[in-house]
Amino acid sequence: MAKQKPNKVRTYARNRPVVSRKGIENVFEPDGVYLFKLIVVTLAGLMWLRLVEPILIGGIVPIGAFPAGSIVALVLIAWLEKAQFNRKILYAVLVVVTIIGFFLDAGIII
């Protein structure tokens, strides 16, 4: 009697990852679209809600600004971006621009 090989699990196109085994991206995105995403993330990172009078939390910690654009951008990146490596780059850009935006006078004053 010959031994039977176990059936291999078949992978269909819908189950394949965004990047192939060779490192080639399966989902094509034009450069203009990616540049637009970077510009939107940069502008969102600069959007801060600044308060005229800081709010004291616990009587110790003053809160004078809130990164509203960064919160919205985090949700949109997690929801809309399919490729993980693109998400990582957009998150890194968002964090750097948000930190820079804190020290600049960029944002809306309430």
PDB file of N, CA and C in Angstrom:
ATOM      1  N   MET A   1       0.814  -1.176   0.000  1.00  0.00           N
ATOM      2  CA  MET A   1       0.000   0.000   0.000  1.00  0.00           C
ATOM      3  C   MET A   1       0.867   1.253   0.000  1.00  0.00           C
ATOM      4  N   ALA A   2       0.484   2.172  -0.809  1.00  0.00           N
ATOM      5  CA  ALA A   2       1.214   3.439  -0.881  1.00  0.00           C
ATOM      6  C   ALA A   2       0.601   4.421   0.111  1.00  0.00           C
ATOM      7  N   LYS A   3       1.475   5.207   0.693  1.00  0.00           N
ATOM      8  CA  LYS A   3       0.983   6.211   1.647  1.00  0.00           C
ATOM      9  C   LYS A   3       0.349   7.371   0.892  1.00  0.00           C
ATOM     10  N   GLN A   4      -0.750   7.823   1.406  1.00  0.00           N
ATOM     11  CA  GLN A   4      -1.414   8.952   0.781  1.00  0.00           C
ATOM     12  C   GLN A   4      -0.905  10.243   1.399  1.00  0.00           C
ATOM     13  N   LYS A   5      -0.665  11.220   0.548  1.00  0.00           N
ATOM     14  CA  LYS A   5      -0.237  12.525   1.032  1.00  0.00           C
ATOM     15  C   LYS A   5      -1.456  13.293   1.527  1.00  0.00           C
ATOM     16  N   PRO A   6      -1.286  14.039   2.622  1.00  0.00           N
ATOM     17  CA  PRO A   6      -2.427  14.849   3.073  1.00  0.00           C
ATOM     18  C   PRO A   6      -2.679  15.985   2.080  1.00  0.00           C
ATOM     19  N   ASN A   7      -3.927  16.329   1.934  1.00  0.00           N
ATOM     20  CA  ASN A   7      -4.282  17.408   1.022  1.00  0.00           C
ATOM     21  C   ASN A   7      -3.723  18.724   1.521  1.00  0.00           C
ATOM     22  N   LYS A   8      -3.155  19.489   0.598  1.00  0.00           N
ATOM     23  CA  LYS A   8      -2.633  20.802   0.952  1.00  0.00           C
ATOM     24  C   LYS A   8      -3.779  21.812   0.970  1.00  0.00           C
ATOM     25  N   VAL A   9      -3.661  22.752   1.865  1.00  0.00           N
ATOM     26  CA  VAL A   9      -4.668  23.800   1.933  1.00  0.00           C
ATOM     27  C   VAL A   9      -4.483  24.706   0.730  1.00  0.00           C
ATOM     28  N   ARG A  10      -5.543  24.946   0.025  1.00  0.00           N
ATOM     29  CA  ARG A  10      -5.462  25.795  -1.154  1.00  0.00           C
ATOM     30  C   ARG A  10      -5.620  27.246  -0.756  1.00  0.00           C
ATOM     31  N   THR A  11      -4.811  28.068  -1.376  1.00  0.00           N
ATOM     32  CA  THR A  11      -4.945  29.504  -1.132  1.00  0.00           C
ATOM     33  C   THR A  11      -5.540  30.134  -2.376  1.00  0.00           C
ATOM     34  N   TYR A  12      -6.585  30.840  -2.191  1.00  0.00           N
ATOM     35  CA  TYR A  12      -7.257  31.502  -3.285  1.00  0.00           C
ATOM     36  C   TYR A  12      -6.840  32.964  -3.313  1.00  0.00           C
ATOM     37  N   ALA A  13      -7.170  33.636  -4.372  1.00  0.00           N
ATOM     38  CA  ALA A  13      -6.744  35.025  -4.560  1.00  0.00           C
ATOM     39  C   ALA A  13      -7.235  35.926  -3.438  1.00  0.00           C
ATOM     40  N   ARG A  14      -8.403  35.674  -2.901  1.00  0.00           N
ATOM     41  CA  ARG A  14      -8.933  36.547  -1.848  1.00  0.00           C
ATOM     42  C   ARG A  14      -8.190  36.384  -0.524  1.00  0.00           C
ATOM     43  N   ASN A  15      -7.476  35.272  -0.370  1.00  0.00           N
ATOM     44  CA  ASN A  15      -6.756  35.019   0.873  1.00  0.00           C
ATOM     45  C   ASN A  15      -5.295  35.434   0.811  1.00  0.00           C
ATOM     46  N   ARG A  16      -4.838  35.847  -0.339  1.00  0.00           N
ATOM     47  CA  ARG A  16      -3.429  36.189  -0.482  1.00  0.00           C
ATOM     48  C   ARG A  16      -3.140  37.545   0.134  1.00  0.00           C
ATOM     49  N   PRO A  17      -1.937  37.713   0.667  1.00  0.00           N
ATOM     50  CA  PRO A  17      -1.589  38.997   1.282  1.00  0.00           C
ATOM     51  C   PRO A  17      -1.375  40.082   0.236  1.00  0.00           C
ATOM     52  N   VAL A  18      -1.219  41.311   0.721  1.00  0.00           N
ATOM     53  CA  VAL A  18      -1.015  42.449  -0.166  1.00  0.00           C
ATOM     54  C   VAL A  18       0.342  42.364  -0.852  1.00  0.00           C
ATOM     55  N   VAL A  19       1.329  41.785  -0.184  1.00  0.00           N
ATOM     56  CA  VAL A  19       2.670  41.650  -0.751  1.00  0.00           C
ATOM     57  C   VAL A  19       2.914  40.180  -1.051  1.00  0.00           C
ATOM     58  N   SER A  20       3.445  39.901  -2.244  1.00  0.00           N
ATOM     59  CA  SER A  20       3.729  38.521  -2.620  1.00  0.00           C
ATOM     60  C   SER A  20       4.982  38.020  -1.896  1.00  0.00           C
ATOM     61  N   ARG A  21       5.296  36.762  -2.086  1.00  0.00           N
ATOM     62  CA  ARG A  21       6.483  36.188  -1.443  1.00  0.00           C
ATOM     63  C   ARG A  21       7.763  36.830  -1.935  1.00  0.00           C
ATOM     64  N   LYS A  22       7.742  37.333  -3.157  1.00  0.00           N
ATOM     65  CA  LYS A  22       8.919  37.981  -3.721  1.00  0.00           C
ATOM     66  C   LYS A  22       9.049  39.438  -3.280  1.00  0.00           C
ATOM     67  N   GLY A  23       8.085  39.946  -2.533  1.00  0.00           N
ATOM     68  CA  GLY A  23       8.138  41.324  -2.066  1.00  0.00           C
ATOM     69  C   GLY A  23       7.499  42.314  -3.017  1.00  0.00           C
ATOM     70  N   ILE A  24       6.797  41.816  -4.013  1.00  0.00           N
ATOM     71  CA  ILE A  24       6.144  42.690  -4.977  1.00  0.00           C
ATOM     72  C   ILE A  24       4.756  43.038  -4.461  1.00  0.00           C
ATOM     73  N   GLU A  25       4.423  44.315  -4.551  1.00  0.00           N
ATOM     74  CA  GLU A  25       3.128  44.770  -4.068  1.00  0.00           C
ATOM     75  C   GLU A  25       2.035  44.322  -5.028  1.00  0.00           C
ATOM     76  N   ASN A  26       1.007  43.654  -4.498  1.00  0.00           N
ATOM     77  CA  ASN A  26      -0.089  43.176  -5.330  1.00  0.00           C
ATOM     78  C   ASN A  26      -1.134  44.254  -5.579  1.00  0.00           C
ATOM     79  N   VAL A  27      -1.273  45.185  -4.675  1.00  0.00           N
ATOM     80  CA  VAL A  27      -2.238  46.265  -4.831  1.00  0.00           C
ATOM     81  C   VAL A  27      -1.496  47.465  -5.403  1.00  0.00           C
ATOM     82  N   PHE A  28      -1.886  47.886  -6.598  1.00  0.00           N
ATOM     83  CA  PHE A  28      -1.202  49.002  -7.247  1.00  0.00           C
ATOM     84  C   PHE A  28      -1.866  50.306  -6.849  1.00  0.00           C
ATOM     85  N   GLU A  29      -1.038  51.286  -6.479  1.00  0.00           N
ATOM     86  CA  GLU A  29      -1.535  52.610  -6.120  1.00  0.00           C
ATOM     87  C   GLU A  29      -0.651  53.642  -6.815  1.00  0.00           C
ATOM     88  N   PRO A  30      -1.246  54.563  -7.557  1.00  0.00           N
ATOM     89  CA  PRO A  30      -0.427  55.584  -8.239  1.00  0.00           C
ATOM     90  C   PRO A  30       0.323  56.459  -7.234  1.00  0.00           C
ATOM     91  N   ASP A  31       1.445  57.021  -7.675  1.00  0.00           N
ATOM     92  CA  ASP A  31       2.247  57.864  -6.797  1.00  0.00           C
ATOM     93  C   ASP A  31       1.490  59.104  -6.346  1.00  0.00           C
ATOM     94  N   GLY A  32       0.648  59.644  -7.218  1.00  0.00           N
ATOM     95  CA  GLY A  32      -0.121  60.832  -6.869  1.00  0.00           C
ATOM     96  C   GLY A  32      -1.082  60.590  -5.718  1.00  0.00           C
ATOM     97  N   VAL A  33      -1.673  59.414  -5.678  1.00  0.00           N
ATOM     98  CA  VAL A  33      -2.598  59.069  -4.591  1.00  0.00           C
ATOM     99  C   VAL A  33      -1.834  58.968  -3.273  1.00  0.00           C
ATOM    100  N   TYR A  34      -0.669  58.336  -3.306  1.00  0.00           N
ATOM    101  CA  TYR A  34       0.133  58.193  -2.089  1.00  0.00           C
ATOM    102  C   TYR A  34       0.628  59.559  -1.600  1.00  0.00           C
ATOM    103  N   LEU A  35       1.035  60.419  -2.527  1.00  0.00           N
ATOM    104  CA  LEU A  35       1.462  61.767  -2.162  1.00  0.00           C
ATOM    105  C   LEU A  35       0.304  62.551  -1.559  1.00  0.00           C
ATOM    106  N   PHE A  36      -0.885  62.385  -2.107  1.00  0.00           N
ATOM    107  CA  PHE A  36      -2.075  63.044  -1.555  1.00  0.00           C
ATOM    108  C   PHE A  36      -2.339  62.573  -0.122  1.00  0.00           C
ATOM    109  N   LYS A  37      -2.192  61.281   0.120  1.00  0.00           N
ATOM    110  CA  LYS A  37      -2.383  60.750   1.474  1.00  0.00           C
ATOM    111  C   LYS A  37      -1.367  61.348   2.444  1.00  0.00           C
ATOM    112  N   LEU A  38      -0.107  61.460   2.000  1.00  0.00           N
ATOM    113  CA  LEU A  38       0.915  62.060   2.870  1.00  0.00           C
ATOM    114  C   LEU A  38       0.602  63.515   3.188  1.00  0.00           C
ATOM    115  N   ILE A  39       0.116  64.261   2.207  1.00  0.00           N
ATOM    116  CA  ILE A  39      -0.228  65.674   2.437  1.00  0.00           C
ATOM    117  C   ILE A  39      -1.406  65.784   3.397  1.00  0.00           C
ATOM    118  N   VAL A  40      -2.418  64.933   3.237  1.00  0.00           N
ATOM    119  CA  VAL A  40      -3.580  64.966   4.134  1.00  0.00           C
ATOM    120  C   VAL A  40      -3.169  64.617   5.559  1.00  0.00           C
ATOM    121  N   VAL A  41      -2.309  63.613   5.722  1.00  0.00           N
ATOM    122  CA  VAL A  41      -1.839  63.225   7.057  1.00  0.00           C
ATOM    123  C   VAL A  41      -1.022  64.358   7.677  1.00  0.00           C
ATOM    124  N   THR A  42      -0.201  65.033   6.870  1.00  0.00           N
ATOM    125  CA  THR A  42       0.596  66.150   7.377  1.00  0.00           C
ATOM    126  C   THR A  42      -0.305  67.289   7.843  1.00  0.00           C
ATOM    127  N   LEU A  43      -1.302  67.633   7.060  1.00  0.00           N
ATOM    128  CA  LEU A  43      -2.223  68.705   7.461  1.00  0.00           C
ATOM    129  C   LEU A  43      -3.041  68.312   8.691  1.00  0.00           C
ATOM    130  N   ALA A  44      -3.440  67.046   8.777  1.00  0.00           N
ATOM    131  CA  ALA A  44      -4.203  66.593   9.945  1.00  0.00           C
ATOM    132  C   ALA A  44      -3.345  66.644  11.205  1.00  0.00           C
ATOM    133  N   GLY A  45      -2.066  66.343  11.079  1.00  0.00           N
ATOM    134  CA  GLY A  45      -1.181  66.393  12.247  1.00  0.00           C
ATOM    135  C   GLY A  45      -0.970  67.801  12.768  1.00  0.00           C
ATOM    136  N   LEU A  46      -1.159  68.786  11.909  1.00  0.00           N
ATOM    137  CA  LEU A  46      -0.998  70.184  12.327  1.00  0.00           C
ATOM    138  C   LEU A  46      -2.262  70.776  12.941  1.00  0.00           C
ATOM    139  N   MET A  47      -3.367  70.059  12.872  1.00  0.00           N
ATOM    140  CA  MET A  47      -4.634  70.586  13.400  1.00  0.00           C
ATOM    141  C   MET A  47      -4.750  70.316  14.903  1.00  0.00           C
ATOM    142  N   TRP A  48      -4.618  71.358  15.669  1.00  0.00           N
ATOM    143  CA  TRP A  48      -4.745  71.297  17.122  1.00  0.00           C
ATOM    144  C   TRP A  48      -5.891  72.194  17.545  1.00  0.00           C
ATOM    145  N   LEU A  49      -6.634  71.782  18.545  1.00  0.00           N
ATOM    146  CA  LEU A  49      -7.613  72.663  19.180  1.00  0.00           C
ATOM    147  C   LEU A  49      -6.925  73.271  20.395  1.00  0.00           C
ATOM    148  N   ARG A  50      -6.687  74.573  20.330  1.00  0.00           N
ATOM    149  CA  ARG A  50      -5.996  75.259  21.420  1.00  0.00           C
ATOM    150  C   ARG A  50      -7.012  76.034  22.237  1.00  0.00           C
ATOM    151  N   LEU A  51      -6.860  75.998  23.542  1.00  0.00           N
ATOM    152  CA  LEU A  51      -7.772  76.687  24.452  1.00  0.00           C
ATOM    153  C   LEU A  51      -7.155  78.010  24.895  1.00  0.00           C
ATOM    154  N   VAL A  52      -8.003  79.047  25.028  1.00  0.00           N
ATOM    155  CA  VAL A  52      -7.517  80.340  25.477  1.00  0.00           C
ATOM    156  C   VAL A  52      -7.034  80.233  26.921  1.00  0.00           C
ATOM    157  N   GLU A  53      -7.817  79.550  27.749  1.00  0.00           N
ATOM    158  CA  GLU A  53      -7.433  79.326  29.142  1.00  0.00           C
ATOM    159  C   GLU A  53      -7.262  77.823  29.355  1.00  0.00           C
ATOM    160  N   PRO A  54      -6.093  77.393  29.800  1.00  0.00           N
ATOM    161  CA  PRO A  54      -5.862  75.954  30.005  1.00  0.00           C
ATOM    162  C   PRO A  54      -6.782  75.369  31.072  1.00  0.00           C
ATOM    163  N   ILE A  55      -7.180  74.140  30.869  1.00  0.00           N
ATOM    164  CA  ILE A  55      -8.002  73.416  31.835  1.00  0.00           C
ATOM    165  C   ILE A  55      -7.067  72.655  32.766  1.00  0.00           C
ATOM    166  N   LEU A  56      -7.291  72.763  34.072  1.00  0.00           N
ATOM    167  CA  LEU A  56      -6.476  72.030  35.041  1.00  0.00           C
ATOM    168  C   LEU A  56      -7.142  70.697  35.351  1.00  0.00           C
ATOM    169  N   ILE A  57      -6.414  69.626  35.167  1.00  0.00           N
ATOM    170  CA  ILE A  57      -6.916  68.297  35.494  1.00  0.00           C
ATOM    171  C   ILE A  57      -6.300  67.891  36.823  1.00  0.00           C
ATOM    172  N   GLY A  58      -7.141  67.697  37.795  1.00  0.00           N
ATOM    173  CA  GLY A  58      -6.674  67.331  39.123  1.00  0.00           C
ATOM    174  C   GLY A  58      -5.978  68.477  39.837  1.00  0.00           C
ATOM    175  N   GLY A  59      -6.114  69.678  39.324  1.00  0.00           N
ATOM    176  CA  GLY A  59      -5.468  70.831  39.925  1.00  0.00           C
ATOM    177  C   GLY A  59      -3.968  70.874  39.699  1.00  0.00           C
ATOM    178  N   ILE A  60      -3.428  69.950  38.913  1.00  0.00           N
ATOM    179  CA  ILE A  60      -1.978  69.864  38.732  1.00  0.00           C
ATOM    180  C   ILE A  60      -1.573  70.004  37.264  1.00  0.00           C
ATOM    181  N   VAL A  61      -2.220  69.235  36.388  1.00  0.00           N
ATOM    182  CA  VAL A  61      -1.815  69.149  34.988  1.00  0.00           C
ATOM    183  C   VAL A  61      -2.647  70.111  34.137  1.00  0.00           C
ATOM    184  N   PRO A  62      -2.002  71.126  33.540  1.00  0.00           N
ATOM    185  CA  PRO A  62      -2.761  72.020  32.660  1.00  0.00           C
ATOM    186  C   PRO A  62      -2.838  71.459  31.232  1.00  0.00           C
ATOM    187  N   ILE A  63      -4.031  71.465  30.667  1.00  0.00           N
ATOM    188  CA  ILE A  63      -4.242  71.038  29.289  1.00  0.00           C
ATOM    189  C   ILE A  63      -4.628  72.267  28.485  1.00  0.00           C
ATOM    190  N   GLY A  64      -3.729  72.694  27.578  1.00  0.00           N
ATOM    191  CA  GLY A  64      -3.974  73.893  26.791  1.00  0.00           C
ATOM    192  C   GLY A  64      -4.259  73.613  25.336  1.00  0.00           C
ATOM    193  N   ALA A  65      -4.063  72.343  24.887  1.00  0.00           N
ATOM    194  CA  ALA A  65      -4.294  72.001  23.491  1.00  0.00           C
ATOM    195  C   ALA A  65      -4.666  70.528  23.376  1.00  0.00           C
ATOM    196  N   PHE A  66      -5.376  70.221  22.297  1.00  0.00           N
ATOM    197  CA  PHE A  66      -5.836  68.862  22.050  1.00  0.00           C
ATOM    198  C   PHE A  66      -5.589  68.529  20.574  1.00  0.00           C
ATOM    199  N   PRO A  67      -4.921  67.416  20.263  1.00  0.00           N
ATOM    200  CA  PRO A  67      -4.622  67.083  18.856  1.00  0.00           C
ATOM    201  C   PRO A  67      -5.812  66.447  18.134  1.00  0.00           C
ATOM    202  N   ALA A  68      -6.812  67.248  17.800  1.00  0.00           N
ATOM    203  CA  ALA A  68      -8.039  66.731  17.183  1.00  0.00           C
ATOM    204  C   ALA A  68      -7.774  66.136  15.801  1.00  0.00           C
ATOM    205  N   GLY A  69      -6.957  66.789  15.000  1.00  0.00           N
ATOM    206  CA  GLY A  69      -6.666  66.288  13.664  1.00  0.00           C
ATOM    207  C   GLY A  69      -5.935  64.961  13.688  1.00  0.00           C
ATOM    208  N   SER A  70      -5.073  64.778  14.661  1.00  0.00           N
ATOM    209  CA  SER A  70      -4.323  63.524  14.766  1.00  0.00           C
ATOM    210  C   SER A  70      -5.237  62.355  15.134  1.00  0.00           C
ATOM    211  N   ILE A  71      -6.189  62.606  16.001  1.00  0.00           N
ATOM    212  CA  ILE A  71      -7.127  61.549  16.391  1.00  0.00           C
ATOM    213  C   ILE A  71      -7.963  61.117  15.181  1.00  0.00           C
ATOM    214  N   VAL A  72      -8.451  62.098  14.428  1.00  0.00           N
ATOM    215  CA  VAL A  72      -9.245  61.794  13.225  1.00  0.00           C
ATOM    216  C   VAL A  72      -8.381  61.056  12.199  1.00  0.00           C
ATOM    217  N   ALA A  73      -7.143  61.493  12.018  1.00  0.00           N
ATOM    218  CA  ALA A  73      -6.247  60.852  11.052  1.00  0.00           C
ATOM    219  C   ALA A  73      -5.914  59.415  11.468  1.00  0.00           C
ATOM    220  N   LEU A  74      -5.719  59.161  12.752  1.00  0.00           N
ATOM    221  CA  LEU A  74      -5.454  57.796  13.218  1.00  0.00           C
ATOM    222  C   LEU A  74      -6.601  56.858  12.858  1.00  0.00           C
ATOM    223  N   VAL A  75      -7.814  57.323  13.081  1.00  0.00           N
ATOM    224  CA  VAL A  75      -8.981  56.494  12.774  1.00  0.00           C
ATOM    225  C   VAL A  75      -9.086  56.253  11.272  1.00  0.00           C
ATOM    226  N   LEU A  76      -8.881  57.303  10.475  1.00  0.00           N
ATOM    227  CA  LEU A  76      -8.987  57.159   9.024  1.00  0.00           C
ATOM    228  C   LEU A  76      -7.894  56.263   8.443  1.00  0.00           C
ATOM    229  N   ILE A  77      -6.677  56.383   8.964  1.00  0.00           N
ATOM    230  CA  ILE A  77      -5.590  55.531   8.475  1.00  0.00           C
ATOM    231  C   ILE A  77      -5.889  54.065   8.786  1.00  0.00           C
ATOM    232  N   ALA A  78      -6.316  53.792  10.004  1.00  0.00           N
ATOM    233  CA  ALA A  78      -6.609  52.408  10.384  1.00  0.00           C
ATOM    234  C   ALA A  78      -7.778  51.839   9.582  1.00  0.00           C
ATOM    235  N   TRP A  79      -8.724  52.698   9.218  1.00  0.00           N
ATOM    236  CA  TRP A  79      -9.929  52.236   8.534  1.00  0.00           C
ATOM    237  C   TRP A  79      -9.729  52.106   7.022  1.00  0.00           C
ATOM    238  N   LEU A  80      -9.013  53.048   6.406  1.00  0.00           N
ATOM    239  CA  LEU A  80      -8.954  53.107   4.952  1.00  0.00           C
ATOM    240  C   LEU A  80      -7.725  52.451   4.324  1.00  0.00           C
ATOM    241  N   GLU A  81      -6.597  52.476   5.005  1.00  0.00           N
ATOM    242  CA  GLU A  81      -5.353  51.994   4.390  1.00  0.00           C
ATOM    243  C   GLU A  81      -5.290  50.478   4.459  1.00  0.00           C
ATOM    244  N   LYS A  82      -5.090  49.835   3.300  1.00  0.00           N
ATOM    245  CA  LYS A  82      -5.090  48.369   3.226  1.00  0.00           C
ATOM    246  C   LYS A  82      -3.720  47.776   3.548  1.00  0.00           C
ATOM    247  N   ALA A  83      -2.671  48.369   3.012  1.00  0.00           N
ATOM    248  CA  ALA A  83      -1.333  47.803   3.155  1.00  0.00           C
ATOM    249  C   ALA A  83      -0.708  48.200   4.492  1.00  0.00           C
ATOM    250  N   GLN A  84      -0.177  47.217   5.205  1.00  0.00           N
ATOM    251  CA  GLN A  84       0.389  47.469   6.526  1.00  0.00           C
ATOM    252  C   GLN A  84       1.610  48.376   6.458  1.00  0.00           C
ATOM    253  N   PHE A  85       2.475  48.190   5.470  1.00  0.00           N
ATOM    254  CA  PHE A  85       3.675  49.023   5.393  1.00  0.00           C
ATOM    255  C   PHE A  85       3.320  50.471   5.073  1.00  0.00           C
ATOM    256  N   ASN A  86       2.243  50.706   4.338  1.00  0.00           N
ATOM    257  CA  ASN A  86       1.793  52.083   4.115  1.00  0.00           C
ATOM    258  C   ASN A  86       1.248  52.691   5.403  1.00  0.00           C
ATOM    259  N   ARG A  87       0.532  51.885   6.193  1.00  0.00           N
ATOM    260  CA  ARG A  87       0.020  52.377   7.480  1.00  0.00           C
ATOM    261  C   ARG A  87       1.163  52.776   8.397  1.00  0.00           C
ATOM    262  N   LYS A  88       2.219  51.962   8.427  1.00  0.00           N
ATOM    263  CA  LYS A  88       3.361  52.266   9.295  1.00  0.00           C
ATOM    264  C   LYS A  88       3.998  53.598   8.917  1.00  0.00           C
ATOM    265  N   ILE A  89       4.161  53.836   7.627  1.00  0.00           N
ATOM    266  CA  ILE A  89       4.758  55.094   7.181  1.00  0.00           C
ATOM    267  C   ILE A  89       3.849  56.268   7.516  1.00  0.00           C
ATOM    268  N   LEU A  90       2.551  56.120   7.288  1.00  0.00           N
ATOM    269  CA  LEU A  90       1.619  57.210   7.576  1.00  0.00           C
ATOM    270  C   LEU A  90       1.545  57.488   9.081  1.00  0.00           C
ATOM    271  N   TYR A  91       1.588  56.441   9.898  1.00  0.00           N
ATOM    272  CA  TYR A  91       1.606  56.647  11.355  1.00  0.00           C
ATOM    273  C   TYR A  91       2.859  57.403  11.784  1.00  0.00           C
ATOM    274  N   ALA A  92       4.009  57.034  11.227  1.00  0.00           N
ATOM    275  CA  ALA A  92       5.256  57.699  11.599  1.00  0.00           C
ATOM    276  C   ALA A  92       5.230  59.172  11.198  1.00  0.00           C
ATOM    277  N   VAL A  93       4.750  59.464  10.000  1.00  0.00           N
ATOM    278  CA  VAL A  93       4.635  60.856   9.556  1.00  0.00           C
ATOM    279  C   VAL A  93       3.682  61.613  10.463  1.00  0.00           C
ATOM    280  N   LEU A  94       2.569  60.995  10.826  1.00  0.00           N
ATOM    281  CA  LEU A  94       1.584  61.648  11.687  1.00  0.00           C
ATOM    282  C   LEU A  94       2.157  61.985  13.061  1.00  0.00           C
ATOM    283  N   VAL A  95       2.900  61.071  13.649  1.00  0.00           N
ATOM    284  CA  VAL A  95       3.475  61.320  14.974  1.00  0.00           C
ATOM    285  C   VAL A  95       4.486  62.463  14.916  1.00  0.00           C
ATOM    286  N   VAL A  96       5.359  62.462  13.926  1.00  0.00           N
ATOM    287  CA  VAL A  96       6.377  63.512  13.817  1.00  0.00           C
ATOM    288  C   VAL A  96       5.735  64.871  13.578  1.00  0.00           C
ATOM    289  N   VAL A  97       4.770  64.939  12.674  1.00  0.00           N
ATOM    290  CA  VAL A  97       4.118  66.220  12.374  1.00  0.00           C
ATOM    291  C   VAL A  97       3.282  66.698  13.556  1.00  0.00           C
ATOM    292  N   THR A  98       2.676  65.790  14.296  1.00  0.00           N
ATOM    293  CA  THR A  98       1.895  66.180  15.473  1.00  0.00           C
ATOM    294  C   THR A  98       2.806  66.792  16.536  1.00  0.00           C
ATOM    295  N   ILE A  99       3.958  66.210  16.744  1.00  0.00           N
ATOM    296  CA  ILE A  99       4.906  66.767  17.717  1.00  0.00           C
ATOM    297  C   ILE A  99       5.398  68.134  17.259  1.00  0.00           C
ATOM    298  N   ILE A 100       5.715  68.267  15.989  1.00  0.00           N
ATOM    299  CA  ILE A 100       6.146  69.566  15.470  1.00  0.00           C
ATOM    300  C   ILE A 100       5.007  70.578  15.569  1.00  0.00           C
ATOM    301  N   GLY A 101       3.786  70.145  15.269  1.00  0.00           N
ATOM    302  CA  GLY A 101       2.624  71.033  15.326  1.00  0.00           C
ATOM    303  C   GLY A 101       2.315  71.532  16.726  1.00  0.00           C
ATOM    304  N   PHE A 102       2.710  70.779  17.739  1.00  0.00           N
ATOM    305  CA  PHE A 102       2.485  71.233  19.112  1.00  0.00           C
ATOM    306  C   PHE A 102       3.289  72.489  19.419  1.00  0.00           C
ATOM    307  N   PHE A 103       4.498  72.560  18.895  1.00  0.00           N
ATOM    308  CA  PHE A 103       5.365  73.695  19.182  1.00  0.00           C
ATOM    309  C   PHE A 103       5.120  74.875  18.265  1.00  0.00           C
ATOM    310  N   LEU A 104       4.469  74.666  17.140  1.00  0.00           N
ATOM    311  CA  LEU A 104       4.104  75.753  16.250  1.00  0.00           C
ATOM    312  C   LEU A 104       2.757  76.345  16.681  1.00  0.00           C
ATOM    313  N   ASP A 105       2.434  77.508  16.178  1.00  0.00           N
ATOM    314  CA  ASP A 105       1.114  78.073  16.463  1.00  0.00           C
ATOM    315  C   ASP A 105       0.143  77.689  15.358  1.00  0.00           C
ATOM    316  N   ALA A 106       0.025  76.407  15.103  1.00  0.00           N
ATOM    317  CA  ALA A 106      -0.896  75.923  14.090  1.00  0.00           C
ATOM    318  C   ALA A 106      -2.104  75.331  14.794  1.00  0.00           C
ATOM    319  N   GLY A 107      -3.269  75.621  14.308  1.00  0.00           N
ATOM    320  CA  GLY A 107      -4.472  75.041  14.878  1.00  0.00           C
ATOM    321  C   GLY A 107      -5.569  76.062  15.031  1.00  0.00           C
ATOM    322  N   ILE A 108      -6.621  75.647  15.677  1.00  0.00           N
ATOM    323  CA  ILE A 108      -7.794  76.483  15.905  1.00  0.00           C
ATOM    324  C   ILE A 108      -7.850  76.855  17.377  1.00  0.00           C
ATOM    325  N   ILE A 109      -8.009  78.142  17.650  1.00  0.00           N
ATOM    326  CA  ILE A 109      -8.070  78.614  19.042  1.00  0.00           C
ATOM    327  C   ILE A 109      -9.529  78.763  19.447  1.00  0.00           C
ATOM    328  N   ILE A 110      -9.876  78.104  20.538  1.00  0.00           N
ATOM    329  CA  ILE A 110     -11.251  78.187  21.060  1.00  0.00           C
ATOM    330  C   ILE A 110     -11.241  79.027  22.324  1.00  0.00           C
TER     331      ILE A 110
END
